[in-house]
């Protein structure tokens, strides 16, 4: 699922998600739990302010973001 993401480029210029939208609902990121890279994408495992976990994927060349996983906060990480 493609996402609209508000991001921040730190001192190294790498984009980090600060909030994203599911439909019209803005979901602020409370914490970046983990991050990793693959040859084509960067991934972020985040806990949103709603307590749920999400994995967001960023494609650098196209600047597109996608939601790749959702887990309700009441479930174990």
N, C-alpha and C. Protein backbone atom coordinates (compact mmCIF):
# COMPACT_ATOMS: atom_id res chain seq x y z
N UNK A 1 0.84 -1.17 0.00
CA UNK A 1 0.00 0.00 0.00
C UNK A 1 0.89 1.24 0.00
N UNK A 2 0.73 2.09 -1.00
CA UNK A 2 1.51 3.32 -1.07
C UNK A 2 1.03 4.31 -0.01
N UNK A 3 1.98 5.07 0.52
CA UNK A 3 1.69 6.01 1.61
C UNK A 3 2.20 7.40 1.29
N UNK A 4 1.55 8.37 1.90
CA UNK A 4 2.09 9.73 1.94
C UNK A 4 2.77 9.84 3.30
N UNK A 5 4.05 10.23 3.30
CA UNK A 5 4.86 10.25 4.51
C UNK A 5 5.47 11.63 4.70
N UNK A 6 5.41 12.12 5.93
CA UNK A 6 6.16 13.31 6.32
C UNK A 6 7.49 12.79 6.84
N UNK A 7 8.58 13.26 6.26
CA UNK A 7 9.88 12.75 6.65
C UNK A 7 10.83 13.88 6.98
N UNK A 8 11.95 13.50 7.57
CA UNK A 8 12.99 14.43 7.95
C UNK A 8 14.31 13.88 7.43
N UNK A 9 15.08 14.70 6.78
CA UNK A 9 16.41 14.30 6.32
C UNK A 9 17.42 14.81 7.34
N UNK A 10 18.06 13.90 8.05
CA UNK A 10 19.03 14.26 9.08
C UNK A 10 20.31 14.82 8.49
N UNK A 11 21.33 14.91 9.33
CA UNK A 11 22.59 15.50 8.90
C UNK A 11 23.26 14.72 7.77
N UNK A 12 22.92 13.44 7.62
CA UNK A 12 23.47 12.65 6.52
C UNK A 12 22.58 12.69 5.29
N UNK A 13 21.45 13.37 5.38
CA UNK A 13 20.55 13.51 4.25
C UNK A 13 19.65 12.31 4.01
N UNK A 14 19.62 11.36 4.96
CA UNK A 14 18.79 10.17 4.80
C UNK A 14 17.41 10.43 5.38
N UNK A 15 16.39 10.12 4.61
CA UNK A 15 15.01 10.36 5.02
C UNK A 15 14.61 9.43 6.16
N UNK A 16 13.93 9.99 7.17
CA UNK A 16 13.35 9.22 8.26
C UNK A 16 11.89 9.63 8.39
N UNK A 17 11.00 8.67 8.58
CA UNK A 17 9.58 9.02 8.70
C UNK A 17 9.27 9.68 10.04
N UNK A 18 8.47 10.73 10.00
CA UNK A 18 8.00 11.43 11.21
C UNK A 18 6.50 11.21 11.42
N UNK A 19 5.77 11.05 10.32
CA UNK A 19 4.33 10.77 10.35
C UNK A 19 3.95 10.25 8.97
N UNK A 20 2.83 9.51 8.92
CA UNK A 20 2.33 9.02 7.63
C UNK A 20 0.82 9.03 7.66
N UNK A 21 0.23 8.87 6.51
CA UNK A 21 -1.22 8.96 6.36
C UNK A 21 -1.80 7.63 5.88
N UNK A 22 -2.81 7.17 6.59
CA UNK A 22 -3.63 6.05 6.14
C UNK A 22 -4.96 6.67 5.74
N UNK A 23 -5.17 6.79 4.44
CA UNK A 23 -6.32 7.57 3.97
C UNK A 23 -6.10 9.02 4.37
N UNK A 24 -7.04 9.59 5.07
CA UNK A 24 -6.92 10.98 5.54
C UNK A 24 -6.39 11.07 6.97
N UNK A 25 -6.22 9.91 7.63
CA UNK A 25 -5.78 9.92 9.03
C UNK A 25 -4.27 10.04 9.12
N UNK A 26 -3.81 11.08 9.84
CA UNK A 26 -2.39 11.29 10.07
C UNK A 26 -1.96 10.46 11.28
N UNK A 27 -0.90 9.66 11.10
CA UNK A 27 -0.38 8.79 12.15
C UNK A 27 1.04 9.25 12.49
N UNK A 28 1.22 9.93 13.63
CA UNK A 28 2.56 10.36 14.02
C UNK A 28 3.43 9.18 14.47
N UNK A 29 4.70 9.21 14.12
CA UNK A 29 5.66 8.19 14.53
C UNK A 29 6.19 8.58 15.90
N UNK A 30 6.02 7.69 16.88
CA UNK A 30 6.54 7.94 18.23
C UNK A 30 7.99 7.50 18.36
N UNK A 31 8.34 6.41 17.64
CA UNK A 31 9.68 5.84 17.80
C UNK A 31 10.05 5.01 16.57
N UNK A 32 11.29 5.16 16.14
CA UNK A 32 11.83 4.25 15.13
C UNK A 32 12.52 3.14 15.91
N UNK A 33 11.96 1.94 15.83
CA UNK A 33 12.47 0.81 16.59
C UNK A 33 13.68 0.18 15.92
N UNK A 34 13.62 0.07 14.60
CA UNK A 34 14.70 -0.56 13.85
C UNK A 34 14.71 0.02 12.44
N UNK A 35 15.82 -0.15 11.77
CA UNK A 35 15.94 0.27 10.37
C UNK A 35 16.96 -0.62 9.70
N UNK A 36 16.76 -0.89 8.44
CA UNK A 36 17.71 -1.68 7.67
C UNK A 36 17.58 -1.32 6.21
N UNK A 37 18.60 -1.72 5.45
CA UNK A 37 18.60 -1.42 4.03
C UNK A 37 18.72 -2.71 3.23
N UNK A 38 18.17 -2.68 2.04
CA UNK A 38 18.34 -3.74 1.06
C UNK A 38 18.95 -3.07 -0.16
N UNK A 39 19.28 -3.82 -1.18
CA UNK A 39 19.87 -3.16 -2.36
C UNK A 39 18.98 -2.07 -2.97
N UNK A 40 17.65 -2.21 -2.85
CA UNK A 40 16.76 -1.26 -3.52
C UNK A 40 15.94 -0.37 -2.59
N UNK A 41 15.88 -0.70 -1.30
CA UNK A 41 14.97 0.02 -0.40
C UNK A 41 15.59 0.22 0.98
N UNK A 42 15.00 1.15 1.72
CA UNK A 42 15.29 1.32 3.15
C UNK A 42 14.01 1.00 3.89
N UNK A 43 14.14 0.31 5.00
CA UNK A 43 12.99 -0.11 5.80
C UNK A 43 13.06 0.51 7.19
N UNK A 44 11.89 0.83 7.74
CA UNK A 44 11.79 1.38 9.07
C UNK A 44 10.70 0.65 9.83
N UNK A 45 11.04 0.07 10.97
CA UNK A 45 10.04 -0.51 11.87
C UNK A 45 9.75 0.58 12.88
N UNK A 46 8.50 1.04 12.91
CA UNK A 46 8.15 2.17 13.77
C UNK A 46 6.98 1.81 14.68
N UNK A 47 6.98 2.45 15.85
CA UNK A 47 5.83 2.42 16.73
C UNK A 47 5.17 3.79 16.60
N UNK A 48 3.90 3.78 16.25
CA UNK A 48 3.18 5.04 16.09
C UNK A 48 2.65 5.49 17.45
N UNK A 49 2.20 6.72 17.51
CA UNK A 49 1.64 7.25 18.75
C UNK A 49 0.39 6.50 19.19
N UNK A 50 -0.25 5.77 18.24
CA UNK A 50 -1.42 4.97 18.59
C UNK A 50 -1.04 3.63 19.22
N UNK A 51 0.28 3.35 19.35
CA UNK A 51 0.76 2.12 19.96
C UNK A 51 0.94 0.97 18.99
N UNK A 52 0.51 1.13 17.75
CA UNK A 52 0.62 0.06 16.76
C UNK A 52 2.01 0.07 16.12
N UNK A 53 2.40 -1.10 15.58
CA UNK A 53 3.68 -1.25 14.89
C UNK A 53 3.46 -1.27 13.39
N UNK A 54 4.38 -0.65 12.68
CA UNK A 54 4.30 -0.58 11.22
C UNK A 54 5.70 -0.78 10.67
N UNK A 55 5.80 -1.39 9.49
CA UNK A 55 7.06 -1.39 8.74
C UNK A 55 6.80 -0.60 7.47
N UNK A 56 7.60 0.45 7.31
CA UNK A 56 7.50 1.34 6.15
C UNK A 56 8.72 1.11 5.26
N UNK A 57 8.49 1.09 3.97
CA UNK A 57 9.57 0.88 3.00
C UNK A 57 9.70 2.13 2.14
N UNK A 58 10.93 2.60 2.00
CA UNK A 58 11.21 3.79 1.19
C UNK A 58 12.06 3.40 -0.01
N UNK A 59 11.60 3.77 -1.19
CA UNK A 59 12.34 3.55 -2.43
C UNK A 59 13.04 4.87 -2.76
N UNK A 60 14.33 4.92 -2.57
CA UNK A 60 15.09 6.14 -2.77
C UNK A 60 14.98 6.74 -4.16
N UNK A 61 15.20 5.95 -5.23
CA UNK A 61 15.16 6.53 -6.57
C UNK A 61 13.80 7.14 -6.95
N UNK A 62 12.70 6.53 -6.51
CA UNK A 62 11.38 7.06 -6.86
C UNK A 62 10.79 7.93 -5.75
N UNK A 63 11.41 7.90 -4.56
CA UNK A 63 10.94 8.65 -3.38
C UNK A 63 9.56 8.20 -2.92
N UNK A 64 9.17 6.97 -3.26
CA UNK A 64 7.87 6.46 -2.84
C UNK A 64 8.00 5.67 -1.54
N UNK A 65 6.95 5.75 -0.73
CA UNK A 65 6.86 5.01 0.52
C UNK A 65 5.73 3.99 0.42
N UNK A 66 5.91 2.84 1.08
CA UNK A 66 4.88 1.81 1.12
C UNK A 66 4.78 1.24 2.53
N UNK A 67 3.57 0.85 2.90
CA UNK A 67 3.33 0.12 4.14
C UNK A 67 3.50 -1.36 3.82
N UNK A 68 4.42 -2.04 4.52
CA UNK A 68 4.63 -3.46 4.25
C UNK A 68 4.15 -4.35 5.38
N UNK A 69 3.91 -3.79 6.60
CA UNK A 69 3.42 -4.59 7.71
C UNK A 69 2.70 -3.71 8.70
N UNK A 70 1.63 -4.25 9.28
CA UNK A 70 0.91 -3.59 10.37
C UNK A 70 0.68 -4.62 11.45
N UNK A 71 0.90 -4.23 12.70
CA UNK A 71 0.59 -5.10 13.83
C UNK A 71 -0.01 -4.25 14.93
N UNK A 72 -1.20 -4.62 15.38
CA UNK A 72 -1.87 -3.86 16.42
C UNK A 72 -1.03 -3.87 17.68
N UNK A 73 -1.02 -2.76 18.41
CA UNK A 73 -0.20 -2.60 19.60
C UNK A 73 -0.51 -3.58 20.71
N UNK A 74 -1.69 -4.15 20.72
CA UNK A 74 -2.07 -5.10 21.78
C UNK A 74 -1.44 -6.47 21.56
N UNK A 75 -0.84 -6.69 20.37
CA UNK A 75 -0.20 -7.97 20.08
C UNK A 75 1.28 -7.87 20.45
N UNK A 76 1.91 -8.98 20.83
CA UNK A 76 3.36 -8.93 21.14
C UNK A 76 4.17 -8.55 19.92
N UNK A 77 5.25 -7.79 20.14
CA UNK A 77 6.15 -7.41 19.04
C UNK A 77 6.91 -8.59 18.65
